[in-house]
Amino acid sequence: MLRLHGIIGRADDRTYAGRLHALEHRGGIELLFVPPEDAGRRRFRLTTDRGTDCAVSLDRDEQLVDGALLHLDSDRAIIARFGEEQVWRLRARDPACALKLGWHAGNLHWRVRFEDDHLIVLLDAPLDTYRARIQPLLDAGEVVERDRV
């Protein structure tokens, strides 16, 4: 379990932009999705999107906000996100289409995981932003959208 005490700053702060960008390229950004019922609490325990068990404690004068930077070192950063994790489930029509989809997901630096023959895209922005990037694959029926969770 990783103990996180206090808020370092905000993920969109220019002070951290370079370090966070470098970590993003190395897969070192972890998101801690904080459900609404925990958003006002001072102490809670949750697991990041990459499986890190975190015990979070905040001082009385700190207010957790969406995008709060809770941990930053040379290997990873942990950023708080409010609400439930949003994902987009995709399935390629055949192996050749799967290669195209995989190329796009990698080239666009999408955070993904795999479940059976589905590519699960972890959404950090509105779904339409992601959909626009692979619209030709969707229009051609090479990739099929399953459900959005």
N, C-alpha and C. Protein backbone atom coordinates (compact mmCIF):
# COMPACT_ATOMS: atom_id res chain seq x y z
N MET A 1 0.84 -1.18 0.00
CA MET A 1 0.00 0.00 0.00
C MET A 1 0.89 1.24 0.00
N LEU A 2 0.53 2.19 -0.85
CA LEU A 2 1.25 3.45 -0.95
C LEU A 2 0.48 4.49 -0.15
N ARG A 3 1.15 5.11 0.80
CA ARG A 3 0.52 6.15 1.62
C ARG A 3 0.75 7.51 0.97
N LEU A 4 -0.35 8.21 0.73
CA LEU A 4 -0.30 9.52 0.09
C LEU A 4 -0.85 10.55 1.06
N HIS A 5 -0.01 11.47 1.50
CA HIS A 5 -0.47 12.49 2.44
C HIS A 5 -0.37 13.86 1.78
N GLY A 6 -1.51 14.48 1.64
CA GLY A 6 -1.55 15.84 1.12
C GLY A 6 -1.57 15.93 -0.39
N ILE A 7 -1.81 17.15 -0.83
CA ILE A 7 -1.89 17.44 -2.26
C ILE A 7 -0.63 18.22 -2.65
N ILE A 8 0.06 17.72 -3.66
CA ILE A 8 1.29 18.35 -4.13
C ILE A 8 0.98 19.59 -4.96
N GLY A 9 -0.05 19.48 -5.78
CA GLY A 9 -0.43 20.57 -6.68
C GLY A 9 -1.52 20.09 -7.60
N ARG A 10 -1.62 20.70 -8.75
CA ARG A 10 -2.60 20.30 -9.76
C ARG A 10 -1.87 19.78 -10.99
N ALA A 11 -2.45 18.79 -11.62
CA ALA A 11 -1.83 18.18 -12.80
C ALA A 11 -1.72 19.16 -13.97
N ASP A 12 -2.58 20.18 -14.01
CA ASP A 12 -2.53 21.14 -15.11
C ASP A 12 -1.64 22.35 -14.81
N ASP A 13 -0.93 22.31 -13.70
CA ASP A 13 -0.02 23.39 -13.32
C ASP A 13 1.24 23.32 -14.18
N ARG A 14 1.66 24.43 -14.73
CA ARG A 14 2.85 24.48 -15.59
C ARG A 14 4.11 23.99 -14.88
N THR A 15 4.13 24.12 -13.57
CA THR A 15 5.29 23.69 -12.78
C THR A 15 5.59 22.20 -13.00
N TYR A 16 4.54 21.41 -13.19
CA TYR A 16 4.70 19.96 -13.31
C TYR A 16 4.57 19.46 -14.74
N ALA A 17 4.28 20.33 -15.68
CA ALA A 17 3.97 19.91 -17.06
C ALA A 17 5.06 19.06 -17.69
N GLY A 18 6.29 19.48 -17.61
CA GLY A 18 7.39 18.74 -18.23
C GLY A 18 7.57 17.36 -17.64
N ARG A 19 7.55 17.28 -16.32
CA ARG A 19 7.73 15.98 -15.66
C ARG A 19 6.56 15.04 -15.95
N LEU A 20 5.34 15.58 -15.93
CA LEU A 20 4.18 14.73 -16.21
C LEU A 20 4.17 14.27 -17.66
N HIS A 21 4.58 15.14 -18.56
CA HIS A 21 4.64 14.75 -19.97
C HIS A 21 5.63 13.61 -20.18
N ALA A 22 6.79 13.72 -19.56
CA ALA A 22 7.80 12.66 -19.67
C ALA A 22 7.29 11.36 -19.07
N LEU A 23 6.63 11.44 -17.92
CA LEU A 23 6.07 10.24 -17.29
C LEU A 23 4.98 9.61 -18.15
N GLU A 24 4.18 10.45 -18.80
CA GLU A 24 3.12 9.94 -19.66
C GLU A 24 3.69 9.09 -20.79
N HIS A 25 4.79 9.52 -21.36
CA HIS A 25 5.43 8.77 -22.45
C HIS A 25 6.01 7.44 -21.97
N ARG A 26 6.33 7.36 -20.71
CA ARG A 26 6.87 6.12 -20.14
C ARG A 26 5.78 5.29 -19.44
N GLY A 27 4.52 5.70 -19.55
CA GLY A 27 3.43 4.95 -18.92
C GLY A 27 3.42 5.10 -17.41
N GLY A 28 3.90 6.23 -16.91
CA GLY A 28 4.02 6.42 -15.48
C GLY A 28 2.92 7.24 -14.84
N ILE A 29 1.86 7.53 -15.57
CA ILE A 29 0.74 8.28 -15.00
C ILE A 29 -0.32 7.29 -14.54
N GLU A 30 -0.71 7.41 -13.28
CA GLU A 30 -1.78 6.59 -12.72
C GLU A 30 -2.90 7.51 -12.27
N LEU A 31 -4.13 7.08 -12.53
CA LEU A 31 -5.29 7.87 -12.13
C LEU A 31 -5.98 7.19 -10.96
N LEU A 32 -6.35 8.00 -9.99
CA LEU A 32 -7.08 7.51 -8.83
C LEU A 32 -8.49 8.07 -8.93
N PHE A 33 -9.42 7.23 -9.34
CA PHE A 33 -10.80 7.67 -9.52
C PHE A 33 -11.50 7.70 -8.17
N VAL A 34 -11.93 8.91 -7.79
CA VAL A 34 -12.54 9.13 -6.49
C VAL A 34 -14.05 9.24 -6.68
N PRO A 35 -14.82 8.26 -6.17
CA PRO A 35 -16.27 8.32 -6.31
C PRO A 35 -16.85 9.50 -5.52
N PRO A 36 -18.00 10.00 -5.93
CA PRO A 36 -18.59 11.17 -5.27
C PRO A 36 -18.72 11.03 -3.75
N GLU A 37 -19.01 9.85 -3.28
CA GLU A 37 -19.19 9.66 -1.84
C GLU A 37 -17.88 9.80 -1.06
N ASP A 38 -16.75 9.69 -1.72
CA ASP A 38 -15.45 9.84 -1.05
C ASP A 38 -14.81 11.21 -1.28
N ALA A 39 -15.37 12.00 -2.18
CA ALA A 39 -14.74 13.27 -2.57
C ALA A 39 -14.55 14.24 -1.41
N GLY A 40 -15.42 14.23 -0.43
CA GLY A 40 -15.32 15.15 0.69
C GLY A 40 -14.59 14.59 1.90
N ARG A 41 -14.18 13.36 1.83
CA ARG A 41 -13.53 12.72 2.97
C ARG A 41 -12.07 13.15 3.09
N ARG A 42 -11.53 13.06 4.28
CA ARG A 42 -10.13 13.40 4.54
C ARG A 42 -9.23 12.17 4.49
N ARG A 43 -9.79 11.00 4.68
CA ARG A 43 -9.04 9.75 4.63
C ARG A 43 -9.86 8.71 3.88
N PHE A 44 -9.20 8.06 2.93
CA PHE A 44 -9.86 6.98 2.19
C PHE A 44 -8.80 6.10 1.55
N ARG A 45 -9.24 4.96 1.12
CA ARG A 45 -8.34 4.00 0.49
C ARG A 45 -8.96 3.55 -0.83
N LEU A 46 -8.20 3.72 -1.91
CA LEU A 46 -8.66 3.36 -3.24
C LEU A 46 -7.51 2.77 -4.04
N THR A 47 -7.84 2.16 -5.18
CA THR A 47 -6.85 1.58 -6.07
C THR A 47 -6.81 2.38 -7.36
N THR A 48 -5.61 2.67 -7.86
CA THR A 48 -5.47 3.42 -9.11
C THR A 48 -5.88 2.56 -10.30
N ASP A 49 -5.95 3.19 -11.46
CA ASP A 49 -6.28 2.47 -12.69
C ASP A 49 -5.21 1.47 -13.08
N ARG A 50 -4.04 1.54 -12.48
CA ARG A 50 -2.96 0.60 -12.76
C ARG A 50 -2.76 -0.41 -11.63
N GLY A 51 -3.66 -0.38 -10.64
CA GLY A 51 -3.62 -1.39 -9.59
C GLY A 51 -2.85 -1.04 -8.33
N THR A 52 -2.41 0.20 -8.17
CA THR A 52 -1.69 0.59 -6.96
C THR A 52 -2.69 0.88 -5.85
N ASP A 53 -2.54 0.19 -4.74
CA ASP A 53 -3.38 0.38 -3.56
C ASP A 53 -2.89 1.63 -2.85
N CYS A 54 -3.78 2.63 -2.65
CA CYS A 54 -3.38 3.91 -2.07
C CYS A 54 -4.22 4.23 -0.84
N ALA A 55 -3.55 4.67 0.22
CA ALA A 55 -4.21 5.20 1.41
C ALA A 55 -3.98 6.71 1.37
N VAL A 56 -5.04 7.46 1.20
CA VAL A 56 -4.95 8.91 1.05
C VAL A 56 -5.38 9.59 2.34
N SER A 57 -4.59 10.57 2.77
CA SER A 57 -4.97 11.40 3.92
C SER A 57 -4.70 12.85 3.57
N LEU A 58 -5.63 13.70 3.95
CA LEU A 58 -5.53 15.13 3.65
C LEU A 58 -5.59 15.93 4.94
N ASP A 59 -4.88 17.05 4.96
CA ASP A 59 -4.98 17.96 6.10
C ASP A 59 -6.33 18.64 6.08
N ARG A 60 -6.72 19.19 7.24
CA ARG A 60 -8.03 19.84 7.36
C ARG A 60 -8.21 21.01 6.38
N ASP A 61 -7.13 21.69 6.08
CA ASP A 61 -7.23 22.86 5.20
C ASP A 61 -7.13 22.52 3.72
N GLU A 62 -7.00 21.23 3.39
CA GLU A 62 -6.88 20.83 1.98
C GLU A 62 -8.23 20.35 1.45
N GLN A 63 -8.50 20.73 0.22
CA GLN A 63 -9.73 20.31 -0.45
C GLN A 63 -9.34 19.53 -1.71
N LEU A 64 -9.75 18.28 -1.79
CA LEU A 64 -9.44 17.46 -2.96
C LEU A 64 -10.23 17.97 -4.15
N VAL A 65 -9.55 18.16 -5.26
CA VAL A 65 -10.19 18.62 -6.50
C VAL A 65 -9.84 17.66 -7.63
N ASP A 66 -10.63 17.68 -8.67
CA ASP A 66 -10.35 16.88 -9.85
C ASP A 66 -9.04 17.37 -10.45
N GLY A 67 -8.11 16.46 -10.65
CA GLY A 67 -6.82 16.83 -11.20
C GLY A 67 -5.75 17.08 -10.15
N ALA A 68 -6.07 16.81 -8.88
CA ALA A 68 -5.08 17.00 -7.81
C ALA A 68 -3.93 16.02 -8.00
N LEU A 69 -2.72 16.51 -7.88
CA LEU A 69 -1.53 15.68 -7.98
C LEU A 69 -1.20 15.19 -6.57
N LEU A 70 -1.32 13.87 -6.37
CA LEU A 70 -1.15 13.29 -5.05
C LEU A 70 0.21 12.65 -4.83
N HIS A 71 0.88 12.31 -5.92
CA HIS A 71 2.19 11.66 -5.81
C HIS A 71 2.99 11.97 -7.07
N LEU A 72 4.28 12.25 -6.89
CA LEU A 72 5.14 12.50 -8.03
C LEU A 72 6.56 12.11 -7.66
N ASP A 73 7.10 11.15 -8.41
CA ASP A 73 8.51 10.79 -8.27
C ASP A 73 9.05 10.50 -9.66
N SER A 74 10.24 9.97 -9.74
CA SER A 74 10.85 9.77 -11.06
C SER A 74 10.20 8.66 -11.87
N ASP A 75 9.42 7.78 -11.21
CA ASP A 75 8.81 6.65 -11.91
C ASP A 75 7.32 6.80 -12.20
N ARG A 76 6.63 7.59 -11.38
CA ARG A 76 5.19 7.70 -11.58
C ARG A 76 4.60 8.92 -10.90
N ALA A 77 3.40 9.25 -11.38
CA ALA A 77 2.59 10.31 -10.78
C ALA A 77 1.20 9.73 -10.56
N ILE A 78 0.57 10.14 -9.48
CA ILE A 78 -0.80 9.71 -9.21
C ILE A 78 -1.66 10.96 -9.16
N ILE A 79 -2.69 10.96 -10.00
CA ILE A 79 -3.57 12.12 -10.16
C ILE A 79 -4.99 11.71 -9.79
N ALA A 80 -5.66 12.53 -8.98
CA ALA A 80 -7.05 12.27 -8.59
C ALA A 80 -7.99 12.68 -9.71
N ARG A 81 -8.95 11.85 -9.98
CA ARG A 81 -10.02 12.15 -10.93
C ARG A 81 -11.34 11.85 -10.23
N PHE A 82 -12.30 12.76 -10.37
CA PHE A 82 -13.59 12.57 -9.72
C PHE A 82 -14.50 11.71 -10.59
N GLY A 83 -15.30 10.92 -9.95
CA GLY A 83 -16.26 10.08 -10.65
C GLY A 83 -15.68 8.72 -10.99
N GLU A 84 -16.46 7.95 -11.67
CA GLU A 84 -16.06 6.61 -12.05
C GLU A 84 -15.24 6.66 -13.33
N GLU A 85 -14.38 5.69 -13.47
CA GLU A 85 -13.56 5.59 -14.67
C GLU A 85 -14.45 5.34 -15.88
N GLN A 86 -14.24 6.10 -16.93
CA GLN A 86 -15.00 5.94 -18.17
C GLN A 86 -14.15 5.17 -19.17
N VAL A 87 -14.75 4.18 -19.79
CA VAL A 87 -14.02 3.38 -20.76
C VAL A 87 -14.84 3.24 -22.04
N TRP A 88 -14.16 2.90 -23.11
CA TRP A 88 -14.78 2.69 -24.42
C TRP A 88 -14.30 1.35 -24.93
N ARG A 89 -15.23 0.46 -25.20
CA ARG A 89 -14.91 -0.91 -25.63
C ARG A 89 -14.96 -0.99 -27.15
N LEU A 90 -13.87 -1.47 -27.74
CA LEU A 90 -13.78 -1.61 -29.19
C LEU A 90 -13.41 -3.04 -29.55
N ARG A 91 -13.89 -3.47 -30.70
CA ARG A 91 -13.54 -4.80 -31.20
C ARG A 91 -13.25 -4.69 -32.69
N ALA A 92 -12.10 -5.20 -33.09
CA ALA A 92 -11.71 -5.17 -34.50
C ALA A 92 -12.37 -6.33 -35.25
N ARG A 93 -12.67 -6.11 -36.52
CA ARG A 93 -13.35 -7.10 -37.34
C ARG A 93 -12.49 -8.33 -37.59
N ASP A 94 -11.19 -8.14 -37.79
CA ASP A 94 -10.29 -9.25 -38.09
C ASP A 94 -8.88 -8.87 -37.66
N PRO A 95 -7.92 -9.77 -37.76
CA PRO A 95 -6.55 -9.45 -37.32
C PRO A 95 -5.93 -8.24 -38.01
N ALA A 96 -6.17 -8.07 -39.29
CA ALA A 96 -5.60 -6.91 -39.99
C ALA A 96 -6.17 -5.61 -39.43
N CYS A 97 -7.45 -5.60 -39.15
CA CYS A 97 -8.09 -4.41 -38.57
C CYS A 97 -7.60 -4.18 -37.14
N ALA A 98 -7.34 -5.27 -36.44
CA ALA A 98 -6.81 -5.16 -35.08
C ALA A 98 -5.44 -4.48 -35.09
N LEU A 99 -4.63 -4.80 -36.09
CA LEU A 99 -3.33 -4.13 -36.21
C LEU A 99 -3.50 -2.64 -36.46
N LYS A 100 -4.44 -2.27 -37.31
CA LYS A 100 -4.69 -0.85 -37.57
C LYS A 100 -5.15 -0.14 -36.29
N LEU A 101 -6.08 -0.77 -35.59
CA LEU A 101 -6.59 -0.18 -34.35
C LEU A 101 -5.46 -0.04 -33.33
N GLY A 102 -4.66 -1.08 -33.18
CA GLY A 102 -3.54 -1.04 -32.24
C GLY A 102 -2.53 0.04 -32.60
N TRP A 103 -2.27 0.20 -33.90
CA TRP A 103 -1.34 1.24 -34.34
C TRP A 103 -1.88 2.61 -33.95
N HIS A 104 -3.17 2.86 -34.21
CA HIS A 104 -3.76 4.15 -33.87
C HIS A 104 -3.72 4.39 -32.37
N ALA A 105 -4.11 3.40 -31.59
CA ALA A 105 -4.13 3.56 -30.13
C ALA A 105 -2.74 3.87 -29.60
N GLY A 106 -1.74 3.20 -30.11
CA GLY A 106 -0.36 3.45 -29.68
C GLY A 106 0.15 4.81 -30.14
N ASN A 107 -0.11 5.13 -31.38
CA ASN A 107 0.35 6.40 -31.95
C ASN A 107 -0.30 7.59 -31.25
N LEU A 108 -1.54 7.41 -30.80
CA LEU A 108 -2.27 8.48 -30.13
C LEU A 108 -2.03 8.48 -28.61
N HIS A 109 -1.22 7.54 -28.15
CA HIS A 109 -0.89 7.42 -26.72
C HIS A 109 -2.12 7.19 -25.85
N TRP A 110 -3.08 6.44 -26.38
CA TRP A 110 -4.25 6.11 -25.59
C TRP A 110 -3.87 5.14 -24.49
N ARG A 111 -4.46 5.33 -23.34
CA ARG A 111 -4.29 4.36 -22.25
C ARG A 111 -5.31 3.25 -22.51
N VAL A 112 -4.83 2.02 -22.61
CA VAL A 112 -5.71 0.90 -22.96
C VAL A 112 -5.42 -0.30 -22.07
N ARG A 113 -6.34 -1.22 -22.10
CA ARG A 113 -6.15 -2.56 -21.54
C ARG A 113 -6.91 -3.51 -22.46
N PHE A 114 -6.69 -4.79 -22.27
CA PHE A 114 -7.31 -5.78 -23.15
C PHE A 114 -8.19 -6.71 -22.33
N GLU A 115 -9.35 -7.03 -22.86
CA GLU A 115 -10.25 -8.01 -22.27
C GLU A 115 -10.71 -8.91 -23.41
N ASP A 116 -10.23 -10.15 -23.38
CA ASP A 116 -10.51 -11.09 -24.47
C ASP A 116 -10.11 -10.45 -25.80
N ASP A 117 -11.06 -10.31 -26.72
CA ASP A 117 -10.74 -9.73 -28.02
C ASP A 117 -11.18 -8.26 -28.14
N HIS A 118 -11.34 -7.62 -27.00
CA HIS A 118 -11.73 -6.20 -26.97
C HIS A 118 -10.56 -5.33 -26.54
N LEU A 119 -10.48 -4.17 -27.14
CA LEU A 119 -9.55 -3.14 -26.71
C LEU A 119 -10.37 -2.19 -25.84
N ILE A 120 -9.96 -2.00 -24.62
CA ILE A 120 -10.66 -1.11 -23.69
C ILE A 120 -9.84 0.17 -23.59
N VAL A 121 -10.43 1.28 -24.04
CA VAL A 121 -9.77 2.57 -24.01
C VAL A 121 -10.22 3.29 -22.74
N LEU A 122 -9.26 3.72 -21.93
CA LEU A 122 -9.55 4.46 -20.70
C LEU A 122 -9.63 5.94 -21.07
N LEU A 123 -10.81 6.51 -20.92
CA LEU A 123 -11.07 7.86 -21.42
C LEU A 123 -10.60 8.94 -20.47
N ASP A 124 -9.83 9.87 -21.00
CA ASP A 124 -9.38 11.04 -20.26
C ASP A 124 -10.02 12.31 -20.81
N ALA A 125 -10.79 12.19 -21.87
CA ALA A 125 -11.42 13.32 -22.54
C ALA A 125 -12.78 12.84 -23.04
N PRO A 126 -13.59 13.74 -23.59
CA PRO A 126 -14.89 13.32 -24.12
C PRO A 126 -14.74 12.23 -25.19
N LEU A 127 -15.67 11.30 -25.21
CA LEU A 127 -15.64 10.18 -26.15
C LEU A 127 -15.54 10.66 -27.60
N ASP A 128 -16.23 11.74 -27.94
CA ASP A 128 -16.21 12.23 -29.33
C ASP A 128 -14.79 12.58 -29.79
N THR A 129 -13.94 13.01 -28.87
CA THR A 129 -12.55 13.33 -29.20
C THR A 129 -11.83 12.07 -29.67
N TYR A 130 -12.04 10.97 -28.97
CA TYR A 130 -11.42 9.69 -29.34
C TYR A 130 -12.04 9.15 -30.63
N ARG A 131 -13.36 9.20 -30.71
CA ARG A 131 -14.06 8.65 -31.87
C ARG A 131 -13.61 9.34 -33.15
N ALA A 132 -13.41 10.63 -33.11
CA ALA A 132 -13.01 11.38 -34.30
C ALA A 132 -11.68 10.88 -34.85
N ARG A 133 -10.81 10.40 -33.98
CA ARG A 133 -9.47 9.98 -34.41
C ARG A 133 -9.49 8.66 -35.19
N ILE A 134 -10.51 7.83 -34.96
CA ILE A 134 -10.58 6.55 -35.69
C ILE A 134 -11.87 6.43 -36.50
N GLN A 135 -12.50 7.56 -36.79
CA GLN A 135 -13.78 7.54 -37.50
C GLN A 135 -13.73 6.76 -38.82
N PRO A 136 -12.66 6.86 -39.62
CA PRO A 136 -12.61 6.06 -40.85
C PRO A 136 -12.68 4.55 -40.58
N LEU A 137 -12.06 4.09 -39.52
CA LEU A 137 -12.13 2.66 -39.17
C LEU A 137 -13.54 2.27 -38.74
N LEU A 138 -14.20 3.16 -38.02
CA LEU A 138 -15.58 2.90 -37.59
C LEU A 138 -16.53 2.90 -38.80
N ASP A 139 -16.38 3.90 -39.66
CA ASP A 139 -17.24 4.02 -40.84
C ASP A 139 -17.10 2.82 -41.77
N ALA A 140 -15.89 2.28 -41.89
CA ALA A 140 -15.64 1.14 -42.77
C ALA A 140 -16.05 -0.18 -42.13
N GLY A 141 -16.46 -0.15 -40.88
CA GLY A 141 -16.83 -1.38 -40.20
C GLY A 141 -15.64 -2.22 -39.78
N GLU A 142 -14.44 -1.65 -39.85
CA GLU A 142 -13.24 -2.38 -39.45
C GLU A 142 -13.13 -2.49 -37.93
N VAL A 143 -13.72 -1.52 -37.25
CA VAL A 143 -13.77 -1.51 -35.79
C VAL A 143 -15.21 -1.26 -35.37
N VAL A 144 -15.65 -2.03 -34.38
CA VAL A 144 -17.02 -1.91 -33.89
C VAL A 144 -16.99 -1.43 -32.46
N GLU A 145 -17.82 -0.43 -32.16
CA GLU A 145 -17.95 0.03 -30.79
C GLU A 145 -18.86 -0.94 -30.05
N ARG A 146 -18.43 -1.34 -28.89
CA ARG A 146 -19.29 -2.16 -28.04
C ARG A 146 -20.00 -1.20 -27.10
N ASP A 147 -19.89 -1.36 -25.87
CA ASP A 147 -20.56 -0.47 -24.94
C ASP A 147 -19.58 0.49 -24.31
N ARG A 148 -20.12 1.54 -23.77
CA ARG A 148 -19.33 2.51 -23.02
C ARG A 148 -19.74 2.38 -21.57
N VAL A 149 -18.77 2.21 -20.71
CA VAL A 149 -19.07 2.01 -19.28
C VAL A 149 -18.66 3.23 -18.52
